[in-house]
Amino acid sequence: MLNSPSDPAGASLPRLPTSSSAGPSVSSSGTAATAAPPGSATPTDKFVFESKHSTVAQLWKEWHQGIYGRKSIVAMIRQGYKKSEGQRKLYSRRKLVMDEVARLAAMRVEPESDVVKAMDEYMSLHKLSMTKLQELIKKRAQDGEELAFWLVKD
């Protein structure tokens, strides 16, 4: 057969459809592969998360809008992107800060951008890294203290 590829033993192999074909794709084992629904992650989609944010504003932007041409963290989560072990840990730490921003904005009935600015000012004033801010929020929550009244100016 000239039009059909064959293996060295002479057995005819199934012809794989091209990307322009309308039928289902076929895996190397010859079984039909199912396509992921539009807007959902495929097994090769990687959750990518910046680890070196120095301000809450940088983190907020990545979380809600995306950075460096990547999808936002919210979009990646919604679409089912899988996180590595390291990404899961970082995500849970950063989520603590984003949850605090949302909580304060709702409690004080003000835009998240105002809360983000106040948190960044607090970090700068007290020379806190993002990790130290996370630890402070977590500790205050564990101690049963109201969180972050100290972060937002009246």
N, C-alpha and C. Protein backbone atom coordinates (compact mmCIF):
# COMPACT_ATOMS: atom_id res chain seq x y z
N MET A 1 0.84 -1.18 0.00
CA MET A 1 0.00 0.00 0.00
C MET A 1 0.88 1.24 0.00
N LEU A 2 0.72 2.08 -0.98
CA LEU A 2 1.54 3.26 -1.06
C LEU A 2 1.01 4.40 -0.20
N ASN A 3 -0.31 4.52 -0.04
CA ASN A 3 -0.89 5.63 0.70
C ASN A 3 -1.02 5.37 2.18
N SER A 4 -0.83 4.15 2.63
CA SER A 4 -1.00 3.82 4.04
C SER A 4 0.35 3.48 4.64
N PRO A 5 0.70 4.13 5.76
CA PRO A 5 1.98 3.80 6.40
C PRO A 5 1.94 2.37 6.92
N SER A 6 3.09 1.75 7.00
CA SER A 6 3.14 0.39 7.53
C SER A 6 4.32 0.27 8.46
N ASP A 7 4.25 -0.71 9.35
CA ASP A 7 5.36 -0.92 10.27
C ASP A 7 6.39 -1.82 9.58
N PRO A 8 7.57 -1.98 10.15
CA PRO A 8 8.62 -2.78 9.52
C PRO A 8 8.19 -4.21 9.24
N ALA A 9 7.26 -4.74 10.00
CA ALA A 9 6.82 -6.12 9.77
C ALA A 9 5.85 -6.21 8.61
N GLY A 10 5.46 -5.08 8.02
CA GLY A 10 4.59 -5.08 6.87
C GLY A 10 3.11 -4.95 7.20
N ALA A 11 2.73 -4.88 8.50
CA ALA A 11 1.32 -4.74 8.87
C ALA A 11 0.89 -3.30 8.62
N SER A 12 -0.28 -3.13 8.09
CA SER A 12 -0.79 -1.80 7.81
C SER A 12 -1.21 -1.12 9.11
N LEU A 13 -0.80 0.14 9.28
CA LEU A 13 -1.16 0.93 10.46
C LEU A 13 -2.33 1.84 10.11
N PRO A 14 -3.19 2.17 11.08
CA PRO A 14 -4.30 3.06 10.78
C PRO A 14 -3.80 4.45 10.41
N ARG A 15 -4.46 5.07 9.46
CA ARG A 15 -4.10 6.43 9.05
C ARG A 15 -4.66 7.40 10.09
N LEU A 16 -3.79 8.29 10.59
CA LEU A 16 -4.21 9.28 11.57
C LEU A 16 -4.81 10.47 10.83
N PRO A 17 -5.95 10.95 11.29
CA PRO A 17 -6.56 12.10 10.63
C PRO A 17 -5.72 13.34 10.83
N THR A 18 -5.80 14.25 9.88
CA THR A 18 -5.09 15.52 10.01
C THR A 18 -5.91 16.44 10.89
N SER A 19 -5.31 17.56 11.29
CA SER A 19 -6.01 18.48 12.18
C SER A 19 -7.24 19.10 11.52
N SER A 20 -7.32 19.05 10.19
CA SER A 20 -8.47 19.65 9.52
C SER A 20 -9.63 18.67 9.39
N SER A 21 -9.45 17.41 9.82
CA SER A 21 -10.54 16.45 9.69
C SER A 21 -11.63 16.75 10.69
N ALA A 22 -12.84 16.34 10.34
CA ALA A 22 -13.99 16.63 11.20
C ALA A 22 -14.21 15.54 12.23
N GLY A 23 -13.65 14.37 12.05
CA GLY A 23 -13.88 13.24 12.95
C GLY A 23 -13.06 13.34 14.21
N PRO A 24 -13.26 12.40 15.15
CA PRO A 24 -12.50 12.42 16.39
C PRO A 24 -11.04 12.12 16.12
N SER A 25 -10.16 12.66 16.97
CA SER A 25 -8.75 12.37 16.81
C SER A 25 -8.49 10.95 17.29
N VAL A 26 -7.41 10.37 16.80
CA VAL A 26 -7.07 8.99 17.14
C VAL A 26 -5.73 8.99 17.82
N SER A 27 -5.63 8.31 18.94
CA SER A 27 -4.37 8.24 19.67
C SER A 27 -3.46 7.23 19.01
N SER A 28 -2.22 7.15 19.46
CA SER A 28 -1.26 6.21 18.88
C SER A 28 -1.69 4.77 19.09
N SER A 29 -2.58 4.50 20.04
CA SER A 29 -3.06 3.14 20.25
C SER A 29 -4.23 2.80 19.33
N GLY A 30 -4.68 3.81 18.54
CA GLY A 30 -5.77 3.56 17.62
C GLY A 30 -7.14 3.82 18.20
N THR A 31 -7.22 4.29 19.45
CA THR A 31 -8.51 4.56 20.07
C THR A 31 -8.87 6.02 19.88
N ALA A 32 -10.14 6.33 19.85
CA ALA A 32 -10.59 7.71 19.68
C ALA A 32 -10.30 8.49 20.95
N ALA A 33 -9.74 9.68 20.79
CA ALA A 33 -9.48 10.56 21.93
C ALA A 33 -10.63 11.54 22.05
N THR A 34 -11.01 11.83 23.27
CA THR A 34 -12.10 12.78 23.47
C THR A 34 -11.51 14.17 23.65
N ALA A 35 -12.11 15.14 23.03
CA ALA A 35 -11.64 16.51 23.13
C ALA A 35 -12.19 17.13 24.40
N ALA A 36 -11.38 18.00 25.00
CA ALA A 36 -11.83 18.72 26.21
C ALA A 36 -12.86 19.76 25.80
N PRO A 37 -13.87 19.98 26.63
CA PRO A 37 -14.85 21.01 26.31
C PRO A 37 -14.17 22.37 26.21
N PRO A 38 -14.70 23.26 25.37
CA PRO A 38 -14.10 24.59 25.26
C PRO A 38 -14.02 25.27 26.63
N GLY A 39 -12.90 25.94 26.88
CA GLY A 39 -12.74 26.66 28.14
C GLY A 39 -12.27 25.81 29.30
N SER A 40 -12.02 24.51 29.09
CA SER A 40 -11.54 23.68 30.19
C SER A 40 -10.09 23.28 29.92
N ALA A 41 -9.41 22.91 30.96
CA ALA A 41 -7.99 22.57 30.86
C ALA A 41 -7.82 21.17 30.29
N THR A 42 -6.72 20.98 29.61
CA THR A 42 -6.35 19.65 29.14
C THR A 42 -5.23 19.16 30.05
N PRO A 43 -4.91 17.87 30.00
CA PRO A 43 -3.86 17.35 30.90
C PRO A 43 -2.51 18.05 30.74
N THR A 44 -2.28 18.68 29.60
CA THR A 44 -1.00 19.35 29.40
C THR A 44 -1.01 20.81 29.83
N ASP A 45 -2.19 21.37 30.18
CA ASP A 45 -2.26 22.75 30.65
C ASP A 45 -1.64 22.83 32.04
N LYS A 46 -0.65 23.70 32.16
CA LYS A 46 0.06 23.81 33.44
C LYS A 46 -0.38 25.06 34.18
N PHE A 47 -0.58 24.89 35.46
CA PHE A 47 -0.89 25.99 36.36
C PHE A 47 0.42 26.73 36.59
N VAL A 48 0.47 27.98 36.22
CA VAL A 48 1.69 28.76 36.38
C VAL A 48 1.37 29.94 37.29
N PHE A 49 2.20 30.11 38.31
CA PHE A 49 1.92 31.08 39.35
C PHE A 49 3.23 31.75 39.74
N GLU A 50 3.28 33.06 39.71
CA GLU A 50 4.47 33.81 40.07
C GLU A 50 4.72 33.68 41.58
N SER A 51 5.96 33.44 41.96
CA SER A 51 6.25 33.21 43.38
C SER A 51 6.92 34.41 44.05
N LYS A 52 7.28 35.42 43.30
CA LYS A 52 8.09 36.49 43.87
C LYS A 52 7.38 37.85 43.93
N HIS A 53 6.11 37.84 44.21
CA HIS A 53 5.40 39.13 44.35
C HIS A 53 5.90 39.86 45.59
N SER A 54 6.13 41.16 45.43
CA SER A 54 6.56 41.95 46.59
C SER A 54 5.46 42.87 47.08
N THR A 55 4.35 42.95 46.34
CA THR A 55 3.23 43.78 46.78
C THR A 55 1.92 43.02 46.60
N VAL A 56 0.94 43.45 47.35
CA VAL A 56 -0.40 42.87 47.22
C VAL A 56 -0.98 43.26 45.87
N ALA A 57 -0.63 44.45 45.37
CA ALA A 57 -1.13 44.89 44.07
C ALA A 57 -0.66 43.94 42.95
N GLN A 58 0.59 43.50 43.00
CA GLN A 58 1.08 42.56 42.00
C GLN A 58 0.33 41.23 42.09
N LEU A 59 0.14 40.76 43.29
CA LEU A 59 -0.58 39.50 43.50
C LEU A 59 -2.03 39.64 43.03
N TRP A 60 -2.68 40.74 43.38
CA TRP A 60 -4.07 40.95 42.99
C TRP A 60 -4.21 40.95 41.47
N LYS A 61 -3.28 41.61 40.79
CA LYS A 61 -3.33 41.67 39.32
C LYS A 61 -3.21 40.27 38.73
N GLU A 62 -2.25 39.49 39.19
CA GLU A 62 -2.10 38.12 38.67
C GLU A 62 -3.36 37.31 38.98
N TRP A 63 -3.90 37.47 40.16
CA TRP A 63 -5.05 36.68 40.62
C TRP A 63 -6.28 36.93 39.75
N HIS A 64 -6.53 38.21 39.46
CA HIS A 64 -7.77 38.58 38.78
C HIS A 64 -7.63 38.88 37.29
N GLN A 65 -6.46 39.33 36.85
CA GLN A 65 -6.30 39.75 35.45
C GLN A 65 -5.30 38.91 34.67
N GLY A 66 -4.35 38.29 35.36
CA GLY A 66 -3.28 37.57 34.69
C GLY A 66 -2.11 38.49 34.40
N ILE A 67 -0.93 37.91 34.29
CA ILE A 67 0.28 38.68 33.99
C ILE A 67 1.12 37.92 32.98
N TYR A 68 2.02 38.62 32.32
CA TYR A 68 2.94 38.03 31.35
C TYR A 68 2.21 37.24 30.27
N GLY A 69 1.03 37.69 29.90
CA GLY A 69 0.26 37.01 28.86
C GLY A 69 -0.42 35.72 29.32
N ARG A 70 -0.36 35.43 30.62
CA ARG A 70 -1.00 34.21 31.14
C ARG A 70 -2.40 34.52 31.62
N LYS A 71 -3.19 33.48 31.75
CA LYS A 71 -4.53 33.61 32.30
C LYS A 71 -4.44 33.98 33.78
N SER A 72 -5.52 34.53 34.29
CA SER A 72 -5.57 34.85 35.72
C SER A 72 -5.62 33.56 36.53
N ILE A 73 -5.25 33.65 37.78
CA ILE A 73 -5.33 32.49 38.68
C ILE A 73 -6.78 32.03 38.78
N VAL A 74 -7.70 32.97 38.87
CA VAL A 74 -9.13 32.63 38.95
C VAL A 74 -9.55 31.83 37.73
N ALA A 75 -9.12 32.26 36.54
CA ALA A 75 -9.49 31.56 35.30
C ALA A 75 -8.88 30.17 35.26
N MET A 76 -7.61 30.03 35.68
CA MET A 76 -6.96 28.71 35.66
C MET A 76 -7.67 27.75 36.60
N ILE A 77 -8.07 28.22 37.76
CA ILE A 77 -8.78 27.37 38.73
C ILE A 77 -10.13 26.97 38.15
N ARG A 78 -10.86 27.94 37.62
CA ARG A 78 -12.19 27.68 37.05
C ARG A 78 -12.11 26.66 35.91
N GLN A 79 -11.03 26.69 35.14
CA GLN A 79 -10.90 25.81 34.00
C GLN A 79 -10.25 24.47 34.35
N GLY A 80 -9.93 24.26 35.60
CA GLY A 80 -9.44 22.96 36.05
C GLY A 80 -7.97 22.69 35.85
N TYR A 81 -7.16 23.73 35.76
CA TYR A 81 -5.72 23.52 35.64
C TYR A 81 -5.22 22.81 36.89
N LYS A 82 -4.29 21.90 36.74
CA LYS A 82 -3.75 21.14 37.86
C LYS A 82 -2.48 21.80 38.37
N LYS A 83 -2.38 21.85 39.69
CA LYS A 83 -1.21 22.45 40.33
C LYS A 83 -0.25 21.36 40.81
N SER A 84 1.05 21.64 40.71
CA SER A 84 2.05 20.74 41.29
C SER A 84 2.00 20.92 42.81
N GLU A 85 2.71 20.09 43.53
CA GLU A 85 2.73 20.18 44.99
C GLU A 85 3.21 21.56 45.43
N GLY A 86 4.28 22.06 44.82
CA GLY A 86 4.79 23.37 45.17
C GLY A 86 3.80 24.48 44.86
N GLN A 87 3.12 24.36 43.72
CA GLN A 87 2.12 25.34 43.34
C GLN A 87 0.93 25.32 44.29
N ARG A 88 0.54 24.12 44.76
CA ARG A 88 -0.59 24.02 45.71
C ARG A 88 -0.27 24.76 47.00
N LYS A 89 0.95 24.60 47.50
CA LYS A 89 1.34 25.27 48.74
C LYS A 89 1.35 26.78 48.56
N LEU A 90 1.96 27.23 47.47
CA LEU A 90 2.03 28.66 47.20
C LEU A 90 0.63 29.23 47.00
N TYR A 91 -0.21 28.51 46.26
CA TYR A 91 -1.59 28.96 46.03
C TYR A 91 -2.33 29.14 47.36
N SER A 92 -2.22 28.16 48.25
CA SER A 92 -2.96 28.27 49.52
C SER A 92 -2.46 29.44 50.36
N ARG A 93 -1.16 29.72 50.30
CA ARG A 93 -0.62 30.86 51.05
C ARG A 93 -1.09 32.19 50.47
N ARG A 94 -1.04 32.29 49.14
CA ARG A 94 -1.45 33.53 48.50
C ARG A 94 -2.97 33.73 48.56
N LYS A 95 -3.72 32.64 48.55
CA LYS A 95 -5.17 32.72 48.64
C LYS A 95 -5.59 33.35 49.98
N LEU A 96 -4.82 33.09 51.01
CA LEU A 96 -5.07 33.70 52.32
C LEU A 96 -5.09 35.23 52.21
N VAL A 97 -4.15 35.79 51.47
CA VAL A 97 -4.09 37.24 51.29
C VAL A 97 -5.26 37.71 50.44
N MET A 98 -5.55 37.01 49.35
CA MET A 98 -6.65 37.42 48.47
C MET A 98 -8.01 37.31 49.18
N ASP A 99 -8.17 36.30 50.02
CA ASP A 99 -9.40 36.18 50.80
C ASP A 99 -9.54 37.34 51.78
N GLU A 100 -8.42 37.77 52.35
CA GLU A 100 -8.44 38.89 53.29
C GLU A 100 -8.81 40.18 52.57
N VAL A 101 -8.28 40.38 51.37
CA VAL A 101 -8.63 41.55 50.57
C VAL A 101 -10.13 41.58 50.31
N ALA A 102 -10.67 40.46 49.86
CA ALA A 102 -12.10 40.37 49.55
C ALA A 102 -12.96 40.59 50.80
N ARG A 103 -12.53 40.00 51.91
CA ARG A 103 -13.29 40.14 53.16
C ARG A 103 -13.33 41.59 53.62
N LEU A 104 -12.17 42.24 53.60
CA LEU A 104 -12.12 43.64 54.03
C LEU A 104 -12.92 44.55 53.12
N ALA A 105 -12.83 44.32 51.82
CA ALA A 105 -13.58 45.15 50.88
C ALA A 105 -15.08 45.01 51.11
N ALA A 106 -15.53 43.79 51.35
CA ALA A 106 -16.96 43.56 51.61
C ALA A 106 -17.37 44.17 52.95
N MET A 107 -16.54 44.00 53.95
CA MET A 107 -16.85 44.49 55.29
C MET A 107 -16.90 46.02 55.32
N ARG A 108 -15.97 46.63 54.63
CA ARG A 108 -15.87 48.09 54.67
C ARG A 108 -16.61 48.76 53.50
N VAL A 109 -17.22 47.97 52.66
CA VAL A 109 -17.97 48.46 51.50
C VAL A 109 -17.12 49.47 50.71
N GLU A 110 -15.98 49.00 50.28
CA GLU A 110 -15.10 49.82 49.46
C GLU A 110 -14.44 48.94 48.41
N PRO A 111 -13.92 49.52 47.37
CA PRO A 111 -13.31 48.71 46.32
C PRO A 111 -12.09 47.94 46.83
N GLU A 112 -11.88 46.76 46.24
CA GLU A 112 -10.70 45.97 46.61
C GLU A 112 -9.42 46.76 46.36
N SER A 113 -9.43 47.62 45.34
CA SER A 113 -8.23 48.40 45.04
C SER A 113 -7.81 49.28 46.22
N ASP A 114 -8.78 49.80 46.98
CA ASP A 114 -8.46 50.60 48.17
C ASP A 114 -7.84 49.74 49.26
N VAL A 115 -8.36 48.54 49.43
CA VAL A 115 -7.82 47.62 50.43
C VAL A 115 -6.41 47.19 50.03
N VAL A 116 -6.22 46.89 48.76
CA VAL A 116 -4.90 46.49 48.26
C VAL A 116 -3.88 47.60 48.52
N LYS A 117 -4.26 48.83 48.23
CA LYS A 117 -3.36 49.96 48.45
C LYS A 117 -3.01 50.09 49.94
N ALA A 118 -4.00 49.97 50.80
CA ALA A 118 -3.75 50.08 52.25
C ALA A 118 -2.83 48.95 52.73
N MET A 119 -3.04 47.75 52.22
CA MET A 119 -2.19 46.62 52.62
C MET A 119 -0.76 46.83 52.15
N ASP A 120 -0.59 47.35 50.93
CA ASP A 120 0.76 47.64 50.43
C ASP A 120 1.44 48.72 51.26
N GLU A 121 0.69 49.73 51.66
CA GLU A 121 1.25 50.79 52.52
C GLU A 121 1.70 50.21 53.87
N TYR A 122 0.88 49.33 54.42
CA TYR A 122 1.21 48.69 55.69
C TYR A 122 2.48 47.85 55.54
N MET A 123 2.56 47.09 54.46
CA MET A 123 3.75 46.26 54.22
C MET A 123 5.00 47.13 54.11
N SER A 124 4.88 48.24 53.41
CA SER A 124 6.02 49.14 53.22
C SER A 124 6.43 49.79 54.55
N LEU A 125 5.45 50.28 55.28
CA LEU A 125 5.72 50.92 56.57
C LEU A 125 6.42 49.99 57.55
N HIS A 126 6.00 48.73 57.58
CA HIS A 126 6.56 47.76 58.53
C HIS A 126 7.60 46.83 57.90
N LYS A 127 7.98 47.15 56.66
CA LYS A 127 9.01 46.38 55.94
C LYS A 127 8.70 44.87 55.93
N LEU A 128 7.48 44.56 55.55
CA LEU A 128 7.03 43.16 55.50
C LEU A 128 7.16 42.60 54.09
N SER A 129 7.59 41.37 54.01
CA SER A 129 7.55 40.64 52.74
C SER A 129 6.15 40.06 52.59
N MET A 130 5.86 39.52 51.43
CA MET A 130 4.56 38.88 51.22
C MET A 130 4.40 37.71 52.18
N THR A 131 5.47 36.96 52.39
CA THR A 131 5.42 35.82 53.31
C THR A 131 5.11 36.28 54.73
N LYS A 132 5.75 37.36 55.17
CA LYS A 132 5.49 37.87 56.53
C LYS A 132 4.06 38.38 56.67
N LEU A 133 3.54 39.01 55.62
CA LEU A 133 2.15 39.46 55.66
C LEU A 133 1.21 38.26 55.80
N GLN A 134 1.46 37.22 55.02
CA GLN A 134 0.64 36.01 55.10
C GLN A 134 0.67 35.42 56.51
N GLU A 135 1.87 35.34 57.07
CA GLU A 135 2.02 34.78 58.42
C GLU A 135 1.26 35.63 59.44
N LEU A 136 1.31 36.94 59.30
CA LEU A 136 0.62 37.83 60.22
C LEU A 136 -0.90 37.65 60.13
N ILE A 137 -1.42 37.57 58.91
CA ILE A 137 -2.87 37.35 58.73
C ILE A 137 -3.28 36.01 59.34
N LYS A 138 -2.49 34.99 59.08
CA LYS A 138 -2.80 33.65 59.59
C LYS A 138 -2.74 33.61 61.12
N LYS A 139 -1.71 34.23 61.70
CA LYS A 139 -1.57 34.23 63.16
C LYS A 139 -2.74 34.96 63.82
N ARG A 140 -3.11 36.10 63.29
CA ARG A 140 -4.21 36.85 63.88
C ARG A 140 -5.51 36.06 63.80
N ALA A 141 -5.71 35.34 62.73
CA ALA A 141 -6.92 34.51 62.59
C ALA A 141 -6.90 33.38 63.61
N GLN A 142 -5.73 32.74 63.80
CA GLN A 142 -5.62 31.65 64.77
C GLN A 142 -5.82 32.15 66.19
N ASP A 143 -5.39 33.39 66.45
CA ASP A 143 -5.54 33.97 67.79
C ASP A 143 -6.95 34.50 68.03
N GLY A 144 -7.81 34.39 67.01
CA GLY A 144 -9.19 34.84 67.14
C GLY A 144 -9.35 36.35 67.08
N GLU A 145 -8.34 37.05 66.60
CA GLU A 145 -8.41 38.50 66.51
C GLU A 145 -9.09 38.90 65.21
N GLU A 146 -9.76 40.03 65.25
CA GLU A 146 -10.33 40.57 64.02
C GLU A 146 -9.16 40.88 63.09
N LEU A 147 -9.27 40.42 61.89
CA LEU A 147 -8.17 40.62 60.96
C LEU A 147 -8.22 41.98 60.28
N ALA A 148 -7.09 42.55 60.16
CA ALA A 148 -6.78 43.65 59.27
C ALA A 148 -7.48 44.98 59.49
N PHE A 149 -8.09 45.21 60.62
CA PHE A 149 -8.54 46.58 60.88
C PHE A 149 -7.30 47.48 60.89
N TRP A 150 -6.19 46.92 61.29
CA TRP A 150 -4.94 47.63 61.37
C TRP A 150 -4.36 47.91 59.99
N LEU A 151 -4.89 47.27 58.96
CA LEU A 151 -4.36 47.48 57.62
C LEU A 151 -5.06 48.61 56.86
N VAL A 152 -6.29 48.88 57.22
CA VAL A 152 -7.08 49.82 56.44
C VAL A 152 -7.33 51.08 57.25
N LYS A 153 -7.01 52.20 56.64
CA LYS A 153 -7.19 53.49 57.32
C LYS A 153 -8.67 53.84 57.34
N ASP A 154 -9.08 54.52 58.39
CA ASP A 154 -10.48 55.00 58.49
C ASP A 154 -10.63 56.30 57.76
